[in-house]
Amino acid sequence: MKQKSLSAGAVVVNGAGDRRRYLLMRCFQYWDFPKGMVERGESPFLAAQREIREEASLEGLEFPWGEEFTETAPYGDGKVARYYLALSPTLDVTLGVSAELGFPEHDEYRWLDYEAARALLGPRVRAVLDWGHALSARPPV
């Protein structure tokens, strides 16, 4: 059996209550949360933080729900995406330039409320948004 390929990222939220906004990033016409491959020897939690810094240049993120996560079912060639929940103190995003590509991996980002974010996402990632929306409504651990 082939070992699954794991990527890690986070549902990044700014604001609270009805003012929550979720960071979505577009790559190849698909919207998703910032995420990327876990590197050898790296924990998925640290990989998620690194990917957010690389893709969105966001610093100062908080993870008040700790390392609680959700995962997608395997897709593509057995890839699984693991997502944590992060709070961002800022809406200031800069699309990072990929060292491999020489240009940003994403061509657009948006901070959206829950309903607008749901409308852009496909079923696999929509389930992740639903998880993050429910978790962010609960008090942190």
Protein backbone atom coordinates (compact mmCIF):
# COMPACT_ATOMS: atom_id res chain seq x y z
CA MET A 1 0.00 0.00 0.00
CA LYS A 2 1.35 3.40 -0.95
CA GLN A 3 2.10 5.75 1.93
CA LYS A 4 -0.08 8.84 1.91
CA SER A 5 1.40 12.18 0.99
CA LEU A 6 0.69 14.76 3.71
CA SER A 7 0.34 18.49 3.31
CA ALA A 8 -0.39 20.83 6.21
CA GLY A 9 -1.97 24.22 6.50
CA ALA A 10 -4.52 26.16 8.47
CA VAL A 11 -7.89 27.77 8.37
CA VAL A 12 -6.72 31.33 9.07
CA VAL A 13 -9.31 33.52 10.79
CA ASN A 14 -9.32 37.23 11.53
CA GLY A 15 -11.93 38.66 13.88
CA ALA A 16 -14.49 37.01 16.13
CA GLY A 17 -18.19 36.24 16.21
CA ASP A 18 -20.08 37.64 13.23
CA ARG A 19 -16.97 39.56 12.17
CA ARG A 20 -14.89 36.47 11.44
CA ARG A 21 -13.13 36.52 8.07
CA TYR A 22 -11.37 33.53 6.52
CA LEU A 23 -8.27 33.73 4.33
CA LEU A 24 -8.69 31.92 1.02
CA MET A 25 -5.96 31.69 -1.60
CA ARG A 26 -6.41 30.83 -5.27
CA CYS A 27 -4.04 28.60 -7.22
CA PHE A 28 -4.87 27.19 -10.67
CA GLN A 29 -8.49 28.42 -10.38
CA TYR A 30 -9.04 26.54 -7.09
CA TRP A 31 -9.58 28.21 -3.74
CA ASP A 32 -8.07 26.71 -0.60
CA PHE A 33 -6.45 27.68 2.67
CA PRO A 34 -2.68 28.21 2.82
CA LYS A 35 -0.99 24.81 2.94
CA GLY A 36 1.91 22.83 1.55
CA MET A 37 3.92 19.65 1.83
CA VAL A 38 5.37 18.54 5.14
CA GLU A 39 9.14 18.33 4.78
CA ARG A 40 11.19 15.36 5.99
CA GLY A 41 11.73 15.57 9.76
CA GLU A 42 9.18 18.37 10.15
CA SER A 43 6.03 18.07 12.23
CA PRO A 44 2.76 18.82 10.41
CA PHE A 45 1.99 21.60 12.92
CA LEU A 46 5.30 23.38 12.23
CA ALA A 47 4.89 22.77 8.49
CA ALA A 48 1.50 24.52 8.59
CA GLN A 49 3.05 27.56 10.26
CA ARG A 50 5.93 27.64 7.76
CA GLU A 51 3.59 27.37 4.79
CA ILE A 52 1.45 30.28 6.02
CA ARG A 53 4.57 32.44 6.40
CA GLU A 54 5.84 31.44 2.95
CA GLU A 55 2.55 31.77 1.06
CA ALA A 56 0.92 34.72 2.83
CA SER A 57 3.76 36.38 4.77
CA LEU A 58 1.58 36.32 7.89
CA GLU A 59 3.41 36.59 11.21
CA GLY A 60 2.12 36.63 14.76
CA LEU A 61 -0.44 33.89 14.24
CA GLU A 62 -1.97 32.35 17.33
CA PHE A 63 -3.15 28.77 17.67
CA PRO A 64 -5.40 28.98 20.75
CA TRP A 65 -6.98 25.59 19.98
CA GLY A 66 -3.52 24.04 20.02
CA GLU A 67 -2.77 21.25 17.60
CA GLU A 68 -6.39 20.21 17.06
CA PHE A 69 -6.82 19.44 13.36
CA THR A 70 -9.02 18.02 10.66
CA GLU A 71 -7.92 16.08 7.58
CA THR A 72 -9.37 15.63 4.15
CA ALA A 73 -10.09 12.21 2.75
CA PRO A 74 -7.33 11.09 0.36
CA TYR A 75 -7.52 12.82 -3.03
CA GLY A 76 -5.47 12.88 -6.19
CA ASP A 77 -2.77 10.24 -5.82
CA GLY A 78 -3.43 9.53 -2.14
CA LYS A 79 -2.65 13.03 -0.88
CA VAL A 80 -4.17 14.07 2.46
CA ALA A 81 -4.35 17.68 3.64
CA ARG A 82 -4.27 18.40 7.38
CA TYR A 83 -5.58 21.73 8.63
CA TYR A 84 -5.22 23.50 11.97
CA LEU A 85 -7.03 26.65 13.08
CA ALA A 86 -5.05 29.90 13.35
CA LEU A 87 -6.01 33.41 14.41
CA SER A 88 -4.38 36.27 12.54
CA PRO A 89 -4.08 39.70 14.16
CA THR A 90 -3.88 41.33 10.72
CA LEU A 91 -5.45 41.28 7.27
CA ASP A 92 -2.15 42.29 5.65
CA VAL A 93 -1.18 39.50 3.25
CA THR A 94 1.72 39.51 0.81
CA LEU A 95 1.77 36.66 -1.68
CA GLY A 96 5.12 34.97 -1.23
CA VAL A 97 7.33 34.12 -4.20
CA SER A 98 7.90 30.38 -4.57
CA ALA A 99 11.61 29.52 -4.68
CA GLU A 100 10.80 26.65 -7.06
CA LEU A 101 8.60 28.68 -9.42
CA GLY A 102 10.21 32.12 -9.21
CA PHE A 103 6.79 33.76 -8.81
CA PRO A 104 3.89 33.54 -6.32
CA GLU A 105 2.23 30.13 -6.14
CA HIS A 106 -1.13 31.87 -5.67
CA ASP A 107 -2.58 34.52 -7.95
CA GLU A 108 -5.18 35.93 -5.58
CA TYR A 109 -6.26 35.96 -1.96
CA ARG A 110 -9.43 37.10 -0.22
CA TRP A 111 -10.62 37.57 3.35
CA LEU A 112 -14.24 36.43 3.30
CA ASP A 113 -17.08 35.86 5.70
CA TYR A 114 -18.29 32.31 6.18
CA GLU A 115 -21.04 32.29 3.55
CA ALA A 116 -18.92 33.94 0.86
CA ALA A 117 -16.05 31.54 1.58
CA ARG A 118 -18.38 28.51 1.38
CA ALA A 119 -19.61 29.69 -2.01
CA LEU A 120 -16.07 29.68 -3.46
CA LEU A 121 -14.91 26.34 -2.08
CA GLY A 122 -15.38 22.85 -3.47
CA PRO A 123 -16.85 20.11 -1.25
CA ARG A 124 -13.50 18.79 0.06
CA VAL A 125 -12.32 22.18 1.34
CA ARG A 126 -15.83 23.37 2.25
CA ALA A 127 -15.90 20.63 4.91
CA VAL A 128 -12.65 22.06 6.33
CA LEU A 129 -14.19 25.54 6.46
CA ASP A 130 -17.24 24.15 8.28
CA TRP A 131 -14.92 22.52 10.84
CA GLY A 132 -12.93 25.74 11.35
CA HIS A 133 -16.08 27.86 11.60
CA ALA A 134 -17.54 25.58 14.28
CA LEU A 135 -14.26 25.33 16.20
CA SER A 136 -13.62 29.09 16.13
CA ALA A 137 -17.04 29.65 17.73
CA ARG A 138 -15.96 27.60 20.77
CA PRO A 139 -13.73 28.89 23.56
CA PRO A 140 -10.07 27.87 23.08
CA VAL A 141 -8.65 24.94 25.06
